Structures are given as C-alpha cells and as structure tokens.
C-alpha cells in the first residue's frame, strides 16, 4: 500500500480554500435511524407550511371577490395550518420515542451536552465559525455540542408553539377536549392576546434557524467533507479511518479500503 498524495488546493477568486483531497481506508458510520430521518423531513415540511399559512392567518394579504362564504379562502388556509400541525405532532411523537430507542447519536443525552468538555467545544465551534477557520474546531461524527444546543432550543420552541397553538384551536369549541386541556395557558400569559403574541413571536425562530441550519450543513459538506446533508437521506456517512472524533471511537467500526484506482489506499504513518 502507498501513501496518498493530496491534490492541489482549490482556489476561488475571492479567497483560498485549502481542502484535503486524500482518500484511502474509509469507515461507514450509521448515525440516523429511519424513524429520525422520517420525522426530520416531516417536521421540516410541516414547519414551512405552518409558517407561511400562519402568516396569512395573522395578516391576510389576499382577498377573494364576492362573499367569503363562496370561496372559504381563510378556511382553506386554516385547514392547511391545522393539517400541518397534526403532521408535526406525529413527527414529534416519533422523535420523543427515538430519544430513548435510538443509538448514541440520537438519544436524549445528545441533546443536553452541558459538560465542561462540551462547553469548551462549543466555544471552539463558535470561534471556528467566526474566523472561518475549520482547523480549530473539534471533530464529531454526529452533531457537535453547538448544534445539539440549537436543536434542543428548536424542540423547546416547537413545544411552546404546540401548546399555544392548541390553546387557540380549543377556543372554537368551548368545553371541548383541547379547550379543557389547555384552559390554564391563557391565565399564565395574561389572556388569549398574550397567547397569540407568544405564538406569533416564537414562529420567527424558524426562518432564522432554517437559514443558519441550511448554511452550516452545506458549509460542513463543502469545507469539512462531512456528508451532513446526505446523512439525513442515507442514515450515515463515510469518514477517513485515521481520523479521530470526540464522540466516536472508529476502532469499534470496521474500515473499508478504497478499491478504485483513483486514489491510493491510505496507510497509517508509523
């Protein structure tokens, strides 16, 4: 076996990005089970629908000609909003179950990374993102601690949205199931107007989160060759067998040699 030679760095017109091109022995790590991947994409789709239909419900920018009873425009938006809310509730149930039934990268401890070591890693990740220097950030097979905190916050925000949303939904049927179940919420928030304000305010968390989430996922795939995007489709990612990660010992996973002639097989330095 021979040692691979890195390809020349990629040079972009506005800055230089030096990316390693060496390939060799690789290891496949299975990260995300099918229930988590299904719930992830169901939640992503339903949150987009919820956000835009919710904006229309709060501020209807379109109007229909003639009597409202002839078109039911608002009713259609409300029905779509409620349908998407039902989908995200089922996605949430799957995710909660998988917090206890999943692997080490999916269980609830992965969403609560507040140890001294992980707090240090968070600051390193922030410094890496702020300076655009991937060399200083620690390596994780799964989510890094900064991402784990972000997901924890988005789960908490979604819980608030569910509680406030079902509280308002229950007002259409006083004495009904949802009305009775969430009758305590308006009193905590100073009335129904407080419920609406909180529901509308937290909703803006999602476009902010989506923008950062998509950017960092694409950045990780391009700069770190991390396979973050594809892992949410296939369930796992390939990593170089000689790399070291904070959350996984590759010695527990068998490596697979790179069989094509494009890249020589990597040999661990003596």
C-alpha atoms as a PDB file:
ATOM      1  CA  UNK A   1       0.000   0.000   0.000  1.00  0.00           C
ATOM      2  CA  UNK A   2       1.160   3.512  -0.742  1.00  0.00           C
ATOM      3  CA  UNK A   3       0.572   6.840   0.893  1.00  0.00           C
ATOM      4  CA  UNK A   4      -1.902   9.087  -0.929  1.00  0.00           C
ATOM      5  CA  UNK A   5      -0.742  12.437  -2.270  1.00  0.00           C
ATOM      6  CA  UNK A   6      -3.088  15.393  -1.698  1.00  0.00           C
ATOM      7  CA  UNK A   7      -4.364  17.162  -4.767  1.00  0.00           C
ATOM      8  CA  UNK A   8      -3.606  20.862  -5.284  1.00  0.00           C
ATOM      9  CA  UNK A   9      -5.814  23.190  -3.203  1.00  0.00           C
ATOM     10  CA  UNK A  10      -8.990  24.639  -4.665  1.00  0.00           C
ATOM     11  CA  UNK A  11      -8.516  28.345  -5.358  1.00  0.00           C
ATOM     12  CA  UNK A  12     -11.515  30.610  -5.533  1.00  0.00           C
ATOM     13  CA  UNK A  13     -11.247  34.162  -6.898  1.00  0.00           C
ATOM     14  CA  UNK A  14     -12.084  35.875  -3.617  1.00  0.00           C
ATOM     15  CA  UNK A  15     -10.270  33.673  -1.120  1.00  0.00           C
ATOM     16  CA  UNK A  16      -8.261  30.472  -0.952  1.00  0.00           C
ATOM     17  CA  UNK A  17      -9.785  27.304   0.429  1.00  0.00           C
ATOM     18  CA  UNK A  18      -7.323  24.509   1.023  1.00  0.00           C
ATOM     19  CA  UNK A  19      -9.214  21.234   1.067  1.00  0.00           C
ATOM     20  CA  UNK A  20      -7.597  17.839   1.596  1.00  0.00           C
ATOM     21  CA  UNK A  21      -8.181  15.504  -1.345  1.00  0.00           C
ATOM     22  CA  UNK A  22      -6.517  12.361   0.012  1.00  0.00           C
ATOM     23  CA  UNK A  23      -8.646   9.235   0.049  1.00  0.00           C
ATOM     24  CA  UNK A  24      -7.887   5.798   1.407  1.00  0.00           C
ATOM     25  CA  UNK A  25      -9.296   3.459   4.041  1.00  0.00           C
ATOM     26  CA  UNK A  26     -12.782   4.634   4.888  1.00  0.00           C
ATOM     27  CA  UNK A  27     -15.283   3.775   7.584  1.00  0.00           C
ATOM     28  CA  UNK A  28     -19.054   3.890   7.263  1.00  0.00           C
ATOM     29  CA  UNK A  29     -20.758   5.182  10.419  1.00  0.00           C
ATOM     30  CA  UNK A  30     -24.503   4.654  10.778  1.00  0.00           C
ATOM     31  CA  UNK A  31     -25.859   7.737  12.549  1.00  0.00           C
ATOM     32  CA  UNK A  32     -29.556   8.333  11.984  1.00  0.00           C
ATOM     33  CA  UNK A  33     -32.205   5.635  12.050  1.00  0.00           C
ATOM     34  CA  UNK A  34     -35.152   5.656   9.687  1.00  0.00           C
ATOM     35  CA  UNK A  35     -37.607   6.982  12.338  1.00  0.00           C
ATOM     36  CA  UNK A  36     -35.407  10.014  12.996  1.00  0.00           C
ATOM     37  CA  UNK A  37     -34.915  10.725   9.286  1.00  0.00           C
ATOM     38  CA  UNK A  38     -38.641  10.415   8.577  1.00  0.00           C
ATOM     39  CA  UNK A  39     -39.543  12.688  11.490  1.00  0.00           C
ATOM     40  CA  UNK A  40     -36.863  15.189  10.407  1.00  0.00           C
ATOM     41  CA  UNK A  41     -38.242  15.633   6.882  1.00  0.00           C
ATOM     42  CA  UNK A  42     -41.866  15.546   8.019  1.00  0.00           C
ATOM     43  CA  UNK A  43     -41.119  18.263  10.579  1.00  0.00           C
ATOM     44  CA  UNK A  44     -39.179  20.362   8.054  1.00  0.00           C
ATOM     45  CA  UNK A  45     -42.013  20.260   5.512  1.00  0.00           C
ATOM     46  CA  UNK A  46     -44.775  20.874   8.035  1.00  0.00           C
ATOM     47  CA  UNK A  47     -42.901  23.782   9.681  1.00  0.00           C
ATOM     48  CA  UNK A  48     -42.557  25.546   6.335  1.00  0.00           C
ATOM     49  CA  UNK A  49     -46.281  25.097   5.682  1.00  0.00           C
ATOM     50  CA  UNK A  50     -47.144  26.195   9.214  1.00  0.00           C
ATOM     51  CA  UNK A  51     -45.050  29.341   8.984  1.00  0.00           C
ATOM     52  CA  UNK A  52     -46.479  30.639   5.709  1.00  0.00           C
ATOM     53  CA  UNK A  53     -50.081  29.682   6.419  1.00  0.00           C
ATOM     54  CA  UNK A  54     -49.707  31.216   9.895  1.00  0.00           C
ATOM     55  CA  UNK A  55     -48.510  34.479   8.369  1.00  0.00           C
ATOM     56  CA  UNK A  56     -51.614  34.601   6.200  1.00  0.00           C
ATOM     57  CA  UNK A  57     -53.890  33.820   9.132  1.00  0.00           C
ATOM     58  CA  UNK A  58     -52.342  36.649  11.175  1.00  0.00           C
ATOM     59  CA  UNK A  59     -52.246  39.099   8.251  1.00  0.00           C
ATOM     60  CA  UNK A  60     -54.391  38.048   5.239  1.00  0.00           C
ATOM     61  CA  UNK A  61     -52.761  39.842   2.313  1.00  0.00           C
ATOM     62  CA  UNK A  62     -55.089  38.300  -0.278  1.00  0.00           C
ATOM     63  CA  UNK A  63     -58.822  38.770  -0.522  1.00  0.00           C
ATOM     64  CA  UNK A  64     -61.384  36.987  -2.637  1.00  0.00           C
ATOM     65  CA  UNK A  65     -64.039  38.701  -4.702  1.00  0.00           C
ATOM     66  CA  UNK A  66     -67.623  38.360  -3.557  1.00  0.00           C
ATOM     67  CA  UNK A  67     -68.872  36.783  -0.367  1.00  0.00           C
ATOM     68  CA  UNK A  68     -66.335  34.994   1.787  1.00  0.00           C
ATOM     69  CA  UNK A  69     -68.718  32.036   2.063  1.00  0.00           C
ATOM     70  CA  UNK A  70     -68.302  31.466  -1.684  1.00  0.00           C
ATOM     71  CA  UNK A  71     -64.536  30.953  -1.516  1.00  0.00           C
ATOM     72  CA  UNK A  72     -63.573  29.940   2.032  1.00  0.00           C
ATOM     73  CA  UNK A  73     -60.071  31.348   1.473  1.00  0.00           C
ATOM     74  CA  UNK A  74     -59.301  31.825   5.152  1.00  0.00           C
ATOM     75  CA  UNK A  75     -60.885  28.481   5.988  1.00  0.00           C
ATOM     76  CA  UNK A  76     -58.632  26.741   3.464  1.00  0.00           C
ATOM     77  CA  UNK A  77     -55.533  28.345   4.973  1.00  0.00           C
ATOM     78  CA  UNK A  78     -56.661  27.439   8.474  1.00  0.00           C
ATOM     79  CA  UNK A  79     -57.375  23.843   7.440  1.00  0.00           C
ATOM     80  CA  UNK A  80     -53.901  23.558   5.850  1.00  0.00           C
ATOM     81  CA  UNK A  81     -52.385  25.055   9.005  1.00  0.00           C
ATOM     82  CA  UNK A  82     -54.190  22.571  11.239  1.00  0.00           C
ATOM     83  CA  UNK A  83     -53.265  19.665   8.945  1.00  0.00           C
ATOM     84  CA  UNK A  84     -49.573  20.600   9.064  1.00  0.00           C
ATOM     85  CA  UNK A  85     -49.854  20.925  12.850  1.00  0.00           C
ATOM     86  CA  UNK A  86     -51.174  17.368  13.004  1.00  0.00           C
ATOM     87  CA  UNK A  87     -48.217  16.142  10.949  1.00  0.00           C
ATOM     88  CA  UNK A  88     -45.665  17.817  13.195  1.00  0.00           C
ATOM     89  CA  UNK A  89     -47.346  16.382  16.299  1.00  0.00           C
ATOM     90  CA  UNK A  90     -46.898  12.872  14.897  1.00  0.00           C
ATOM     91  CA  UNK A  91     -43.305  13.712  13.897  1.00  0.00           C
ATOM     92  CA  UNK A  92     -42.733  14.937  17.456  1.00  0.00           C
ATOM     93  CA  UNK A  93     -44.104  11.712  18.909  1.00  0.00           C
ATOM     94  CA  UNK A  94     -41.689   9.711  16.746  1.00  0.00           C
ATOM     95  CA  UNK A  95     -38.779  11.918  17.798  1.00  0.00           C
ATOM     96  CA  UNK A  96     -39.602  11.650  21.503  1.00  0.00           C
ATOM     97  CA  UNK A  97     -39.784   7.866  21.225  1.00  0.00           C
ATOM     98  CA  UNK A  98     -36.447   7.792  19.390  1.00  0.00           C
ATOM     99  CA  UNK A  99     -34.842   9.854  22.155  1.00  0.00           C
ATOM    100  CA  UNK A 100     -34.954   6.629  24.183  1.00  0.00           C
ATOM    101  CA  UNK A 101     -34.841   3.936  21.471  1.00  0.00           C
ATOM    102  CA  UNK A 102     -32.182   5.394  19.166  1.00  0.00           C
ATOM    103  CA  UNK A 103     -28.423   4.955  19.108  1.00  0.00           C
ATOM    104  CA  UNK A 104     -25.828   7.063  20.947  1.00  0.00           C
ATOM    105  CA  UNK A 105     -26.116   9.910  18.435  1.00  0.00           C
ATOM    106  CA  UNK A 106     -29.919  10.079  18.664  1.00  0.00           C
ATOM    107  CA  UNK A 107     -30.775   9.630  22.345  1.00  0.00           C
ATOM    108  CA  UNK A 108     -31.605  12.461  24.714  1.00  0.00           C
ATOM    109  CA  UNK A 109     -28.063  12.855  26.168  1.00  0.00           C
ATOM    110  CA  UNK A 110     -27.007  14.042  22.691  1.00  0.00           C
ATOM    111  CA  UNK A 111     -29.385  16.991  23.116  1.00  0.00           C
ATOM    112  CA  UNK A 112     -28.008  18.020  26.501  1.00  0.00           C
ATOM    113  CA  UNK A 113     -24.249  18.468  26.006  1.00  0.00           C
ATOM    114  CA  UNK A 114     -23.578  20.643  29.050  1.00  0.00           C
ATOM    115  CA  UNK A 115     -20.388  19.092  30.328  1.00  0.00           C
ATOM    116  CA  UNK A 116     -17.190  21.061  30.893  1.00  0.00           C
ATOM    117  CA  UNK A 117     -15.551  19.418  27.884  1.00  0.00           C
ATOM    118  CA  UNK A 118     -18.505  20.068  25.574  1.00  0.00           C
ATOM    119  CA  UNK A 119     -18.842  23.697  26.696  1.00  0.00           C
ATOM    120  CA  UNK A 120     -15.203  24.141  25.672  1.00  0.00           C
ATOM    121  CA  UNK A 121     -16.022  22.525  22.325  1.00  0.00           C
ATOM    122  CA  UNK A 122     -18.916  24.971  21.845  1.00  0.00           C
ATOM    123  CA  UNK A 123     -16.569  27.926  22.164  1.00  0.00           C
ATOM    124  CA  UNK A 124     -14.169  26.307  19.706  1.00  0.00           C
ATOM    125  CA  UNK A 125     -17.023  25.830  17.229  1.00  0.00           C
ATOM    126  CA  UNK A 126     -18.120  29.454  17.641  1.00  0.00           C
ATOM    127  CA  UNK A 127     -14.544  30.627  17.123  1.00  0.00           C
ATOM    128  CA  UNK A 128     -14.239  28.446  14.034  1.00  0.00           C
ATOM    129  CA  UNK A 129     -17.444  29.831  12.528  1.00  0.00           C
ATOM    130  CA  UNK A 130     -16.499  33.426  13.385  1.00  0.00           C
ATOM    131  CA  UNK A 131     -12.990  33.169  11.902  1.00  0.00           C
ATOM    132  CA  UNK A 132     -13.917  30.825   9.017  1.00  0.00           C
ATOM    133  CA  UNK A 133     -11.141  28.529  10.155  1.00  0.00           C
ATOM    134  CA  UNK A 134     -12.254  24.858  10.225  1.00  0.00           C
ATOM    135  CA  UNK A 135      -8.880  23.690  11.527  1.00  0.00           C
ATOM    136  CA  UNK A 136      -9.551  24.820  15.094  1.00  0.00           C
ATOM    137  CA  UNK A 137     -12.900  23.111  15.536  1.00  0.00           C
ATOM    138  CA  UNK A 138     -13.181  19.687  17.184  1.00  0.00           C
ATOM    139  CA  UNK A 139     -14.353  16.796  15.041  1.00  0.00           C
ATOM    140  CA  UNK A 140     -17.612  14.978  15.696  1.00  0.00           C
ATOM    141  CA  UNK A 141     -19.211  12.142  13.788  1.00  0.00           C
ATOM    142  CA  UNK A 142     -22.666  13.186  14.978  1.00  0.00           C
ATOM    143  CA  UNK A 143     -23.850  16.644  15.956  1.00  0.00           C
ATOM    144  CA  UNK A 144     -21.312  18.899  17.618  1.00  0.00           C
ATOM    145  CA  UNK A 145     -22.343  20.404  21.008  1.00  0.00           C
ATOM    146  CA  UNK A 146     -23.268  23.763  19.461  1.00  0.00           C
ATOM    147  CA  UNK A 147     -25.647  22.057  17.046  1.00  0.00           C
ATOM    148  CA  UNK A 148     -27.049  19.955  19.880  1.00  0.00           C
ATOM    149  CA  UNK A 149     -27.945  23.087  21.848  1.00  0.00           C
ATOM    150  CA  UNK A 150     -29.573  24.598  18.749  1.00  0.00           C
ATOM    151  CA  UNK A 151     -31.743  21.507  18.251  1.00  0.00           C
ATOM    152  CA  UNK A 152     -32.697  21.476  21.910  1.00  0.00           C
ATOM    153  CA  UNK A 153     -33.855  25.099  21.628  1.00  0.00           C
ATOM    154  CA  UNK A 154     -35.832  24.394  18.462  1.00  0.00           C
ATOM    155  CA  UNK A 155     -37.539  21.431  20.169  1.00  0.00           C
ATOM    156  CA  UNK A 156     -38.453  23.636  23.127  1.00  0.00           C
ATOM    157  CA  UNK A 157     -39.715  26.334  20.767  1.00  0.00           C
ATOM    158  CA  UNK A 158     -41.833  23.773  18.931  1.00  0.00           C
ATOM    159  CA  UNK A 159     -43.307  22.625  22.240  1.00  0.00           C
ATOM    160  CA  UNK A 160     -44.304  26.230  23.025  1.00  0.00           C
ATOM    161  CA  UNK A 161     -45.856  26.542  19.558  1.00  0.00           C
ATOM    162  CA  UNK A 162     -47.857  23.350  20.063  1.00  0.00           C
ATOM    163  CA  UNK A 163     -49.192  24.400  23.458  1.00  0.00           C
ATOM    164  CA  UNK A 164     -50.160  27.914  22.351  1.00  0.00           C
ATOM    165  CA  UNK A 165     -51.497  26.662  19.028  1.00  0.00           C
ATOM    166  CA  UNK A 166     -53.773  24.049  20.575  1.00  0.00           C
ATOM    167  CA  UNK A 167     -54.880  26.619  23.156  1.00  0.00           C
ATOM    168  CA  UNK A 168     -56.169  28.889  20.383  1.00  0.00           C
ATOM    169  CA  UNK A 169     -57.584  25.928  18.470  1.00  0.00           C
ATOM    170  CA  UNK A 170     -59.599  24.883  21.516  1.00  0.00           C
ATOM    171  CA  UNK A 171     -61.347  28.272  21.688  1.00  0.00           C
ATOM    172  CA  UNK A 172     -63.511  27.239  18.730  1.00  0.00           C
ATOM    173  CA  UNK A 173     -65.153  24.582  20.898  1.00  0.00           C
ATOM    174  CA  UNK A 174     -65.575  25.813  24.500  1.00  0.00           C
ATOM    175  CA  UNK A 175     -65.807  22.879  26.838  1.00  0.00           C
ATOM    176  CA  UNK A 176     -64.204  20.532  24.298  1.00  0.00           C
ATOM    177  CA  UNK A 177     -61.079  18.406  24.695  1.00  0.00           C
ATOM    178  CA  UNK A 178     -58.449  20.982  23.667  1.00  0.00           C
ATOM    179  CA  UNK A 179     -60.262  23.811  25.425  1.00  0.00           C
ATOM    180  CA  UNK A 180     -60.286  21.856  28.692  1.00  0.00           C
ATOM    181  CA  UNK A 181     -56.747  20.515  28.320  1.00  0.00           C
ATOM    182  CA  UNK A 182     -55.170  23.953  27.780  1.00  0.00           C
ATOM    183  CA  UNK A 183     -57.504  26.126  29.809  1.00  0.00           C
ATOM    184  CA  UNK A 184     -54.596  27.053  32.133  1.00  0.00           C
ATOM    185  CA  UNK A 185     -52.487  28.639  29.373  1.00  0.00           C
ATOM    186  CA  UNK A 186     -54.354  31.967  28.852  1.00  0.00           C
ATOM    187  CA  UNK A 187     -54.187  32.671  32.586  1.00  0.00           C
ATOM    188  CA  UNK A 188     -50.401  32.290  32.544  1.00  0.00           C
ATOM    189  CA  UNK A 189     -49.970  34.656  29.580  1.00  0.00           C
ATOM    190  CA  UNK A 190     -52.443  37.363  30.515  1.00  0.00           C
ATOM    191  CA  UNK A 191     -55.272  36.240  28.283  1.00  0.00           C
ATOM    192  CA  UNK A 192     -55.709  34.996  24.735  1.00  0.00           C
ATOM    193  CA  UNK A 193     -53.932  38.007  23.270  1.00  0.00           C
ATOM    194  CA  UNK A 194     -50.804  37.008  25.185  1.00  0.00           C
ATOM    195  CA  UNK A 195     -51.124  33.506  23.734  1.00  0.00           C
ATOM    196  CA  UNK A 196     -51.346  34.911  20.196  1.00  0.00           C
ATOM    197  CA  UNK A 197     -48.377  37.236  20.687  1.00  0.00           C
ATOM    198  CA  UNK A 198     -46.184  34.448  22.035  1.00  0.00           C
ATOM    199  CA  UNK A 199     -47.258  32.074  19.249  1.00  0.00           C
ATOM    200  CA  UNK A 200     -46.512  34.677  16.569  1.00  0.00           C
ATOM    201  CA  UNK A 201     -43.190  35.739  18.131  1.00  0.00           C
ATOM    202  CA  UNK A 202     -41.766  32.232  18.507  1.00  0.00           C
ATOM    203  CA  UNK A 203     -42.757  31.485  14.892  1.00  0.00           C
ATOM    204  CA  UNK A 204     -39.983  33.807  13.705  1.00  0.00           C
ATOM    205  CA  UNK A 205     -37.466  31.496  15.334  1.00  0.00           C
ATOM    206  CA  UNK A 206     -37.923  29.032  12.470  1.00  0.00           C
ATOM    207  CA  UNK A 207     -36.837  31.079   9.422  1.00  0.00           C
ATOM    208  CA  UNK A 208     -33.795  32.217  11.425  1.00  0.00           C
ATOM    209  CA  UNK A 209     -32.977  28.638  12.417  1.00  0.00           C
ATOM    210  CA  UNK A 210     -33.592  27.277   8.905  1.00  0.00           C
ATOM    211  CA  UNK A 211     -31.269  29.857   7.336  1.00  0.00           C
ATOM    212  CA  UNK A 212     -28.417  29.080   9.737  1.00  0.00           C
ATOM    213  CA  UNK A 213     -29.077  25.329   9.672  1.00  0.00           C
ATOM    214  CA  UNK A 214     -29.000  25.045   5.868  1.00  0.00           C
ATOM    215  CA  UNK A 215     -25.938  27.281   5.571  1.00  0.00           C
ATOM    216  CA  UNK A 216     -23.918  25.345   8.160  1.00  0.00           C
ATOM    217  CA  UNK A 217     -24.945  21.973   6.705  1.00  0.00           C
ATOM    218  CA  UNK A 218     -23.800  22.975   3.216  1.00  0.00           C
ATOM    219  CA  UNK A 219     -20.656  24.572   4.673  1.00  0.00           C
ATOM    220  CA  UNK A 220     -19.788  21.367   6.538  1.00  0.00           C
ATOM    221  CA  UNK A 221     -20.258  19.303   3.387  1.00  0.00           C
ATOM    222  CA  UNK A 222     -18.112  21.631   1.274  1.00  0.00           C
ATOM    223  CA  UNK A 223     -15.302  22.567   3.646  1.00  0.00           C
ATOM    224  CA  UNK A 224     -15.156  19.599   6.007  1.00  0.00           C
ATOM    225  CA  UNK A 225     -16.410  16.942   3.571  1.00  0.00           C
ATOM    226  CA  UNK A 226     -18.664  15.826   6.398  1.00  0.00           C
ATOM    227  CA  UNK A 227     -21.602  14.370   4.450  1.00  0.00           C
ATOM    228  CA  UNK A 228     -24.107  16.117   6.727  1.00  0.00           C
ATOM    229  CA  UNK A 229     -26.802  16.613   4.081  1.00  0.00           C
ATOM    230  CA  UNK A 230     -26.541  13.136   2.579  1.00  0.00           C
ATOM    231  CA  UNK A 231     -26.559  11.503   6.028  1.00  0.00           C
ATOM    232  CA  UNK A 232     -30.146  12.664   6.510  1.00  0.00           C
ATOM    233  CA  UNK A 233     -31.035  10.665   3.402  1.00  0.00           C
ATOM    234  CA  UNK A 234     -28.835   7.583   3.732  1.00  0.00           C
ATOM    235  CA  UNK A 235     -28.597   7.431   7.520  1.00  0.00           C
ATOM    236  CA  UNK A 236     -24.824   7.587   7.764  1.00  0.00           C
ATOM    237  CA  UNK A 237     -21.575   8.964   6.408  1.00  0.00           C
ATOM    238  CA  UNK A 238     -18.111   7.880   5.363  1.00  0.00           C
ATOM    239  CA  UNK A 239     -15.119   9.101   7.344  1.00  0.00           C
ATOM    240  CA  UNK A 240     -11.402   8.558   6.963  1.00  0.00           C
ATOM    241  CA  UNK A 241     -10.360   5.675   9.184  1.00  0.00           C
ATOM    242  CA  UNK A 242      -7.330   7.512  10.558  1.00  0.00           C
ATOM    243  CA  UNK A 243      -9.341  10.488  11.815  1.00  0.00           C
ATOM    244  CA  UNK A 244     -10.137  10.975  15.481  1.00  0.00           C
ATOM    245  CA  UNK A 245     -13.538  12.123  16.735  1.00  0.00           C
ATOM    246  CA  UNK A 246     -14.744  13.367  20.096  1.00  0.00           C
ATOM    247  CA  UNK A 247     -17.942  11.326  20.107  1.00  0.00           C
ATOM    248  CA  UNK A 248     -16.934   8.069  18.434  1.00  0.00           C
ATOM    249  CA  UNK A 249     -14.094   5.555  18.525  1.00  0.00           C
ATOM    250  CA  UNK A 250     -13.551   4.358  14.976  1.00  0.00           C
ATOM    251  CA  UNK A 251     -11.824   1.281  16.373  1.00  0.00           C
ATOM    252  CA  UNK A 252     -15.317  -0.046  17.077  1.00  0.00           C
ATOM    253  CA  UNK A 253     -16.206   0.094  13.365  1.00  0.00           C
ATOM    254  CA  UNK A 254     -14.528  -1.881  10.569  1.00  0.00           C
ATOM    255  CA  UNK A 255     -12.824   0.159   7.852  1.00  0.00           C
ATOM    256  CA  UNK A 256     -13.403  -0.387   4.130  1.00  0.00           C
ATOM    257  CA  UNK A 257     -10.493   0.002   1.671  1.00  0.00           C
ATOM    258  CA  UNK A 258     -10.916   2.384  -1.255  1.00  0.00           C
ATOM    259  CA  UNK A 259     -10.949  -0.097  -4.144  1.00  0.00           C
ATOM    260  CA  UNK A 260     -10.935   2.247  -7.110  1.00  0.00           C
ATOM    261  CA  UNK A 261      -7.703   3.247  -8.784  1.00  0.00           C
ATOM    262  CA  UNK A 262      -8.491   6.954  -8.459  1.00  0.00           C
ATOM    263  CA  UNK A 263      -6.940   7.238  -5.007  1.00  0.00           C
ATOM    264  CA  UNK A 264      -4.288   5.034  -3.388  1.00  0.00           C
ATOM    265  CA  UNK A 265      -5.097   3.308  -0.127  1.00  0.00           C
ATOM    266  CA  UNK A 266      -4.211   5.305   2.948  1.00  0.00           C
ATOM    267  CA  UNK A 267      -1.521   3.909   5.232  1.00  0.00           C
ATOM    268  CA  UNK A 268      -1.309   4.980   8.851  1.00  0.00           C
ATOM    269  CA  UNK A 269       2.007   6.748   9.483  1.00  0.00           C
ATOM    270  CA  UNK A 270       4.433   4.821  11.687  1.00  0.00           C
END
